[in-house]
N, C-alpha and C. Protein backbone atom coordinates (compact mmCIF):
# COMPACT_ATOMS: atom_id res chain seq x y z
N MET A 1 0.84 -1.17 0.00
CA MET A 1 0.00 0.00 0.00
C MET A 1 0.89 1.24 0.00
N ARG A 2 0.55 2.21 -0.82
CA ARG A 2 1.27 3.49 -0.90
C ARG A 2 0.36 4.59 -0.37
N TYR A 3 0.96 5.45 0.42
CA TYR A 3 0.23 6.62 0.91
C TYR A 3 1.21 7.70 1.34
N ARG A 4 0.70 8.91 1.50
CA ARG A 4 1.54 10.03 1.90
C ARG A 4 1.48 10.20 3.42
N VAL A 5 2.61 10.67 3.99
CA VAL A 5 2.69 11.01 5.40
C VAL A 5 3.36 12.39 5.50
N PRO A 6 3.17 13.08 6.62
CA PRO A 6 3.88 14.36 6.80
C PRO A 6 5.39 14.14 6.78
N ASP A 7 6.10 14.98 6.05
CA ASP A 7 7.56 14.89 5.97
C ASP A 7 8.15 15.84 7.02
N LEU A 8 8.03 15.44 8.27
CA LEU A 8 8.49 16.24 9.40
C LEU A 8 9.33 15.39 10.33
N ALA A 9 10.33 15.99 10.94
CA ALA A 9 11.17 15.28 11.90
C ALA A 9 10.35 14.95 13.15
N PRO A 10 10.75 13.92 13.89
CA PRO A 10 10.04 13.59 15.13
C PRO A 10 9.99 14.79 16.08
N GLU A 11 8.86 14.94 16.74
CA GLU A 11 8.64 16.00 17.72
C GLU A 11 8.77 17.41 17.14
N THR A 12 8.46 17.54 15.85
CA THR A 12 8.34 18.86 15.23
C THR A 12 6.95 18.94 14.63
N TRP A 13 6.52 20.13 14.28
CA TRP A 13 5.19 20.30 13.74
C TRP A 13 5.18 21.43 12.73
N HIS A 14 4.16 21.39 11.90
CA HIS A 14 3.91 22.40 10.87
C HIS A 14 2.73 23.23 11.37
N THR A 15 2.79 24.54 11.20
CA THR A 15 1.74 25.39 11.76
C THR A 15 1.04 26.23 10.69
N ALA A 16 -0.18 26.59 11.01
CA ALA A 16 -0.97 27.52 10.19
C ALA A 16 -1.90 28.26 11.14
N GLU A 17 -2.33 29.43 10.73
CA GLU A 17 -3.18 30.25 11.60
C GLU A 17 -4.29 30.88 10.78
N ILE A 18 -5.50 30.88 11.35
CA ILE A 18 -6.60 31.62 10.74
C ILE A 18 -7.29 32.43 11.85
N ASP A 19 -7.95 33.50 11.46
CA ASP A 19 -8.74 34.31 12.38
C ASP A 19 -10.18 34.30 11.88
N VAL A 20 -11.10 34.04 12.81
CA VAL A 20 -12.53 34.03 12.49
C VAL A 20 -13.25 34.82 13.57
N GLU A 21 -13.88 35.92 13.19
CA GLU A 21 -14.65 36.75 14.13
C GLU A 21 -13.86 37.05 15.41
N LYS A 22 -12.63 37.47 15.26
CA LYS A 22 -11.74 37.86 16.36
C LYS A 22 -11.18 36.68 17.15
N SER A 23 -11.61 35.46 16.88
CA SER A 23 -11.01 34.28 17.51
C SER A 23 -9.83 33.84 16.66
N GLN A 24 -8.77 33.42 17.33
CA GLN A 24 -7.57 32.96 16.64
C GLN A 24 -7.51 31.43 16.74
N PHE A 25 -7.29 30.78 15.60
CA PHE A 25 -7.18 29.32 15.52
C PHE A 25 -5.79 28.97 14.99
N LEU A 26 -4.99 28.30 15.81
CA LEU A 26 -3.64 27.90 15.43
C LEU A 26 -3.63 26.39 15.22
N ALA A 27 -3.32 25.95 14.01
CA ALA A 27 -3.27 24.51 13.71
C ALA A 27 -1.82 24.04 13.78
N TRP A 28 -1.58 23.01 14.58
CA TRP A 28 -0.28 22.35 14.66
C TRP A 28 -0.47 20.96 14.08
N VAL A 29 0.25 20.64 13.01
CA VAL A 29 0.14 19.33 12.35
C VAL A 29 1.46 18.60 12.53
N CYS A 30 1.39 17.30 12.84
CA CYS A 30 2.62 16.53 13.04
C CYS A 30 2.53 15.17 12.36
N HIS A 31 3.69 14.54 12.23
CA HIS A 31 3.77 13.14 11.79
C HIS A 31 3.47 12.31 13.04
N ALA A 32 2.43 11.49 12.99
CA ALA A 32 1.99 10.71 14.15
C ALA A 32 1.87 9.23 13.80
N PRO A 33 3.01 8.53 13.67
CA PRO A 33 2.93 7.11 13.36
C PRO A 33 2.39 6.29 14.53
N THR A 34 2.41 6.87 15.74
CA THR A 34 1.88 6.20 16.93
C THR A 34 1.07 7.20 17.74
N THR A 35 0.26 6.69 18.64
CA THR A 35 -0.49 7.59 19.52
C THR A 35 0.45 8.33 20.47
N ASP A 36 1.57 7.71 20.83
CA ASP A 36 2.55 8.39 21.69
C ASP A 36 3.14 9.61 21.00
N ALA A 37 3.42 9.50 19.71
CA ALA A 37 3.95 10.64 18.95
C ALA A 37 2.93 11.78 18.94
N PHE A 38 1.66 11.43 18.80
CA PHE A 38 0.62 12.46 18.82
C PHE A 38 0.50 13.09 20.21
N ASP A 39 0.56 12.26 21.25
CA ASP A 39 0.47 12.78 22.62
C ASP A 39 1.59 13.78 22.91
N ALA A 40 2.78 13.55 22.34
CA ALA A 40 3.90 14.49 22.52
C ALA A 40 3.55 15.85 21.91
N LEU A 41 2.90 15.84 20.74
CA LEU A 41 2.48 17.11 20.12
C LEU A 41 1.47 17.82 21.01
N LEU A 42 0.49 17.09 21.52
CA LEU A 42 -0.53 17.70 22.36
C LEU A 42 0.10 18.33 23.61
N GLN A 43 1.01 17.63 24.24
CA GLN A 43 1.67 18.18 25.43
C GLN A 43 2.48 19.43 25.09
N ALA A 44 3.16 19.42 23.94
CA ALA A 44 3.93 20.60 23.51
C ALA A 44 3.00 21.78 23.25
N ALA A 45 1.85 21.52 22.62
CA ALA A 45 0.89 22.59 22.34
C ALA A 45 0.34 23.19 23.62
N LYS A 46 0.02 22.33 24.58
CA LYS A 46 -0.50 22.82 25.86
C LYS A 46 0.56 23.61 26.63
N ALA A 47 1.81 23.16 26.55
CA ALA A 47 2.89 23.88 27.24
C ALA A 47 3.17 25.23 26.58
N ALA A 48 3.09 25.29 25.26
CA ALA A 48 3.37 26.54 24.53
C ALA A 48 2.21 27.54 24.63
N HIS A 49 0.99 27.02 24.80
CA HIS A 49 -0.20 27.89 24.83
C HIS A 49 -1.08 27.53 26.03
N PRO A 50 -0.57 27.73 27.26
CA PRO A 50 -1.34 27.33 28.44
C PRO A 50 -2.59 28.17 28.68
N ASN A 51 -2.65 29.36 28.12
CA ASN A 51 -3.79 30.24 28.35
C ASN A 51 -4.83 30.18 27.23
N ALA A 52 -4.66 29.26 26.29
CA ALA A 52 -5.63 29.13 25.19
C ALA A 52 -6.97 28.65 25.74
N SER A 53 -8.04 29.01 25.04
CA SER A 53 -9.38 28.58 25.45
C SER A 53 -9.56 27.08 25.28
N HIS A 54 -9.03 26.53 24.18
CA HIS A 54 -9.22 25.11 23.87
C HIS A 54 -8.01 24.57 23.11
N HIS A 55 -7.76 23.27 23.28
CA HIS A 55 -6.74 22.53 22.52
C HIS A 55 -7.47 21.31 21.93
N CYS A 56 -8.11 21.48 20.80
CA CYS A 56 -8.90 20.41 20.18
C CYS A 56 -8.00 19.54 19.30
N THR A 57 -8.33 18.26 19.19
CA THR A 57 -7.42 17.32 18.55
C THR A 57 -8.11 16.37 17.59
N ALA A 58 -7.30 15.84 16.67
CA ALA A 58 -7.70 14.74 15.78
C ALA A 58 -6.44 14.07 15.28
N PHE A 59 -6.47 12.74 15.16
CA PHE A 59 -5.30 12.03 14.64
C PHE A 59 -5.69 10.72 13.97
N ILE A 60 -4.83 10.28 13.05
CA ILE A 60 -4.91 8.97 12.40
C ILE A 60 -3.50 8.40 12.50
N ALA A 61 -3.28 7.46 13.43
CA ALA A 61 -1.94 6.89 13.64
C ALA A 61 -1.82 5.60 12.83
N GLY A 62 -1.85 5.75 11.53
CA GLY A 62 -1.77 4.62 10.61
C GLY A 62 -2.06 5.11 9.21
N PRO A 63 -2.26 4.18 8.28
CA PRO A 63 -2.55 4.58 6.90
C PRO A 63 -3.91 5.26 6.77
N PRO A 64 -4.13 6.00 5.68
CA PRO A 64 -5.45 6.61 5.46
C PRO A 64 -6.53 5.53 5.51
N GLY A 65 -7.63 5.85 6.14
CA GLY A 65 -8.71 4.88 6.26
C GLY A 65 -8.58 3.99 7.49
N GLU A 66 -7.49 4.12 8.22
CA GLU A 66 -7.26 3.35 9.46
C GLU A 66 -8.44 3.57 10.41
N GLN A 67 -8.91 2.52 11.02
CA GLN A 67 -10.03 2.64 11.95
C GLN A 67 -9.67 2.23 13.38
N THR A 68 -8.45 1.73 13.59
CA THR A 68 -8.08 1.24 14.92
C THR A 68 -7.38 2.28 15.77
N HIS A 69 -6.47 3.03 15.20
CA HIS A 69 -5.69 4.00 15.97
C HIS A 69 -6.03 5.41 15.52
N ILE A 70 -7.26 5.81 15.86
CA ILE A 70 -7.75 7.14 15.50
C ILE A 70 -8.33 7.80 16.75
N GLY A 71 -8.52 9.08 16.68
CA GLY A 71 -9.17 9.76 17.80
C GLY A 71 -9.38 11.23 17.53
N PHE A 72 -10.28 11.82 18.31
CA PHE A 72 -10.51 13.26 18.23
C PHE A 72 -11.17 13.72 19.51
N SER A 73 -10.99 15.01 19.82
CA SER A 73 -11.53 15.57 21.05
C SER A 73 -11.97 17.02 20.82
N ASP A 74 -13.11 17.37 21.42
CA ASP A 74 -13.63 18.74 21.35
C ASP A 74 -13.06 19.63 22.46
N ASP A 75 -12.42 19.06 23.45
CA ASP A 75 -11.78 19.80 24.56
C ASP A 75 -12.66 20.92 25.11
N GLY A 76 -13.89 20.61 25.43
CA GLY A 76 -14.77 21.60 26.05
C GLY A 76 -15.64 22.40 25.09
N GLU A 77 -15.36 22.34 23.81
CA GLU A 77 -16.26 22.98 22.83
C GLU A 77 -17.54 22.15 22.78
N PRO A 78 -18.65 22.72 22.30
CA PRO A 78 -19.87 21.92 22.18
C PRO A 78 -19.62 20.64 21.37
N GLY A 79 -20.23 19.54 21.78
CA GLY A 79 -20.01 18.23 21.17
C GLY A 79 -20.14 18.25 19.65
N GLY A 80 -19.14 17.69 18.98
CA GLY A 80 -19.17 17.55 17.53
C GLY A 80 -18.77 18.79 16.76
N THR A 81 -18.35 19.86 17.44
CA THR A 81 -18.04 21.10 16.73
C THR A 81 -16.56 21.30 16.43
N ALA A 82 -15.69 20.46 16.99
CA ALA A 82 -14.26 20.66 16.78
C ALA A 82 -13.56 19.38 16.34
N GLY A 83 -13.49 18.39 17.21
CA GLY A 83 -12.75 17.17 16.91
C GLY A 83 -13.23 16.44 15.67
N ARG A 84 -14.54 16.25 15.55
CA ARG A 84 -15.06 15.51 14.38
C ARG A 84 -14.80 16.25 13.07
N PRO A 85 -15.06 17.57 12.95
CA PRO A 85 -14.73 18.26 11.70
C PRO A 85 -13.24 18.23 11.39
N MET A 86 -12.41 18.31 12.43
CA MET A 86 -10.96 18.21 12.23
C MET A 86 -10.60 16.84 11.69
N PHE A 87 -11.17 15.79 12.30
CA PHE A 87 -10.90 14.42 11.86
C PHE A 87 -11.34 14.21 10.42
N GLN A 88 -12.51 14.74 10.07
CA GLN A 88 -13.00 14.60 8.69
C GLN A 88 -12.08 15.30 7.70
N ALA A 89 -11.51 16.44 8.09
CA ALA A 89 -10.55 17.13 7.22
C ALA A 89 -9.30 16.27 7.03
N LEU A 90 -8.82 15.64 8.11
CA LEU A 90 -7.65 14.75 7.99
C LEU A 90 -7.97 13.57 7.09
N GLN A 91 -9.14 12.95 7.29
CA GLN A 91 -9.54 11.82 6.44
C GLN A 91 -9.59 12.22 4.98
N GLY A 92 -10.16 13.37 4.69
CA GLY A 92 -10.29 13.84 3.32
C GLY A 92 -8.96 14.12 2.64
N SER A 93 -7.92 14.34 3.41
CA SER A 93 -6.61 14.64 2.84
C SER A 93 -5.92 13.41 2.27
N GLN A 94 -6.36 12.22 2.67
CA GLN A 94 -5.73 10.96 2.27
C GLN A 94 -4.26 10.89 2.69
N ILE A 95 -3.92 11.56 3.79
CA ILE A 95 -2.58 11.51 4.37
C ILE A 95 -2.67 10.63 5.60
N GLY A 96 -1.72 9.72 5.75
CA GLY A 96 -1.71 8.83 6.91
C GLY A 96 -0.73 9.29 7.97
N GLU A 97 -0.78 8.62 9.12
CA GLU A 97 0.16 8.89 10.22
C GLU A 97 0.22 10.39 10.53
N ILE A 98 -0.95 10.98 10.73
CA ILE A 98 -1.03 12.44 10.87
C ILE A 98 -1.85 12.79 12.11
N GLY A 99 -1.43 13.86 12.77
CA GLY A 99 -2.16 14.37 13.92
C GLY A 99 -2.23 15.88 13.86
N CYS A 100 -3.26 16.43 14.47
CA CYS A 100 -3.43 17.88 14.47
C CYS A 100 -4.03 18.35 15.79
N VAL A 101 -3.47 19.41 16.32
CA VAL A 101 -4.03 20.12 17.47
C VAL A 101 -4.39 21.51 16.98
N VAL A 102 -5.63 21.93 17.21
CA VAL A 102 -6.01 23.31 16.90
C VAL A 102 -6.20 24.03 18.23
N ILE A 103 -5.42 25.07 18.40
CA ILE A 103 -5.41 25.86 19.61
C ILE A 103 -6.29 27.08 19.35
N ARG A 104 -7.30 27.29 20.21
CA ARG A 104 -8.20 28.42 19.99
C ARG A 104 -8.07 29.44 21.11
N TYR A 105 -7.93 30.69 20.68
CA TYR A 105 -8.02 31.82 21.60
C TYR A 105 -9.35 32.51 21.29
N PHE A 106 -10.27 32.49 22.25
CA PHE A 106 -11.60 33.06 22.08
C PHE A 106 -11.50 34.57 21.92
N GLY A 107 -12.18 35.09 20.90
CA GLY A 107 -12.10 36.52 20.60
C GLY A 107 -13.28 37.33 21.07
N GLY A 108 -14.22 36.71 21.78
CA GLY A 108 -15.35 37.46 22.32
C GLY A 108 -16.64 37.31 21.55
N THR A 109 -16.59 36.74 20.34
CA THR A 109 -17.80 36.56 19.54
C THR A 109 -18.11 35.07 19.45
N LYS A 110 -19.32 34.69 19.87
CA LYS A 110 -19.72 33.28 19.75
C LYS A 110 -19.99 32.97 18.29
N LEU A 111 -19.46 31.83 17.84
CA LEU A 111 -19.57 31.46 16.42
C LEU A 111 -20.75 30.54 16.13
N GLY A 112 -21.38 29.98 17.15
CA GLY A 112 -22.44 29.00 16.93
C GLY A 112 -21.83 27.66 16.55
N THR A 113 -22.63 26.61 16.59
CA THR A 113 -22.09 25.27 16.32
C THR A 113 -21.60 25.13 14.89
N GLY A 114 -22.35 25.64 13.93
CA GLY A 114 -21.93 25.56 12.52
C GLY A 114 -20.67 26.37 12.27
N GLY A 115 -20.60 27.56 12.84
CA GLY A 115 -19.43 28.41 12.68
C GLY A 115 -18.18 27.80 13.30
N LEU A 116 -18.35 27.16 14.47
CA LEU A 116 -17.21 26.49 15.10
C LEU A 116 -16.71 25.34 14.24
N ALA A 117 -17.64 24.51 13.76
CA ALA A 117 -17.25 23.36 12.94
C ALA A 117 -16.50 23.81 11.69
N ARG A 118 -17.00 24.86 11.04
CA ARG A 118 -16.32 25.38 9.84
C ARG A 118 -14.95 25.94 10.19
N ALA A 119 -14.85 26.67 11.28
CA ALA A 119 -13.58 27.29 11.66
C ALA A 119 -12.52 26.24 11.98
N TYR A 120 -12.88 25.21 12.73
CA TYR A 120 -11.91 24.16 13.06
C TYR A 120 -11.48 23.40 11.80
N ALA A 121 -12.41 23.09 10.92
CA ALA A 121 -12.06 22.41 9.67
C ALA A 121 -11.17 23.30 8.80
N GLN A 122 -11.48 24.60 8.73
CA GLN A 122 -10.66 25.53 7.94
C GLN A 122 -9.25 25.63 8.50
N ALA A 123 -9.11 25.61 9.81
CA ALA A 123 -7.77 25.67 10.42
C ALA A 123 -6.95 24.46 10.03
N VAL A 124 -7.56 23.27 10.09
CA VAL A 124 -6.84 22.05 9.69
C VAL A 124 -6.48 22.12 8.21
N ASN A 125 -7.43 22.51 7.38
CA ASN A 125 -7.16 22.61 5.94
C ASN A 125 -6.06 23.62 5.63
N ALA A 126 -5.99 24.71 6.39
CA ALA A 126 -4.92 25.69 6.20
C ALA A 126 -3.57 25.04 6.51
N GLY A 127 -3.52 24.20 7.53
CA GLY A 127 -2.29 23.49 7.85
C GLY A 127 -1.92 22.46 6.80
N LEU A 128 -2.92 21.81 6.23
CA LEU A 128 -2.68 20.77 5.22
C LEU A 128 -2.22 21.36 3.89
N GLU A 129 -2.65 22.58 3.57
CA GLU A 129 -2.33 23.19 2.27
C GLU A 129 -0.83 23.30 2.02
N THR A 130 -0.07 23.60 3.04
CA THR A 130 1.37 23.81 2.86
C THR A 130 2.21 22.74 3.57
N LEU A 131 1.57 21.68 4.01
CA LEU A 131 2.27 20.60 4.72
C LEU A 131 3.18 19.83 3.78
N PRO A 132 4.48 19.71 4.10
CA PRO A 132 5.34 18.86 3.27
C PRO A 132 5.02 17.39 3.53
N THR A 133 4.93 16.61 2.47
CA THR A 133 4.63 15.18 2.62
C THR A 133 5.62 14.35 1.81
N ARG A 134 5.67 13.07 2.14
CA ARG A 134 6.47 12.11 1.39
C ARG A 134 5.66 10.83 1.26
N GLU A 135 6.02 10.02 0.27
CA GLU A 135 5.29 8.78 0.04
C GLU A 135 5.90 7.64 0.85
N VAL A 136 5.04 6.80 1.39
CA VAL A 136 5.45 5.61 2.13
C VAL A 136 4.89 4.40 1.39
N VAL A 137 5.69 3.36 1.29
CA VAL A 137 5.24 2.11 0.71
C VAL A 137 5.28 1.06 1.81
N GLU A 138 4.11 0.56 2.19
CA GLU A 138 4.05 -0.49 3.20
C GLU A 138 4.41 -1.81 2.57
N ARG A 139 5.27 -2.54 3.25
CA ARG A 139 5.67 -3.85 2.74
C ARG A 139 5.54 -4.87 3.86
N ASP A 140 5.22 -6.07 3.50
CA ASP A 140 5.17 -7.18 4.44
C ASP A 140 6.27 -8.16 4.10
N SER A 141 6.89 -8.71 5.11
CA SER A 141 7.92 -9.73 4.90
C SER A 141 7.35 -11.09 5.27
N TYR A 142 7.69 -12.07 4.49
CA TYR A 142 7.24 -13.43 4.75
C TYR A 142 8.44 -14.36 4.67
N LEU A 143 8.46 -15.37 5.51
CA LEU A 143 9.49 -16.38 5.48
C LEU A 143 8.82 -17.71 5.15
N LEU A 144 9.23 -18.29 4.05
CA LEU A 144 8.66 -19.57 3.63
C LEU A 144 9.71 -20.66 3.81
N LYS A 145 9.31 -21.72 4.45
CA LYS A 145 10.21 -22.87 4.59
C LYS A 145 9.62 -24.02 3.79
N VAL A 146 10.49 -24.68 3.04
CA VAL A 146 10.04 -25.81 2.23
C VAL A 146 10.68 -27.09 2.69
């Protein structure tokens, strides 16, 4: 199987920023071949932005379409308005082994559930637009004895 992954060194991330109605959304995208690699990104994001309103997440720790090592979190935003739209943006990219944290600084204007979902998805897509990627070819080894 061939698929693309983020071309980033371990424990580094690619960033993008959007502003929506005075709220700031910072997307941090990383190469996440394991859930531990993604957890390291989340901890770094929380340490770098401890005063942010939210640290919402989504990850696919495997090839595109992976259903076993996936996850997303709204981190206090209304249910389904952050993590799920972020995860759907990652799925749509057809990039594997990828994780994203979107850090939100509330700007004083409530966006509503639809506005939040769009803003979080736009932040992820902004990060994906300029993300360097490389191709991975999965191979299996077999030993046959005759």
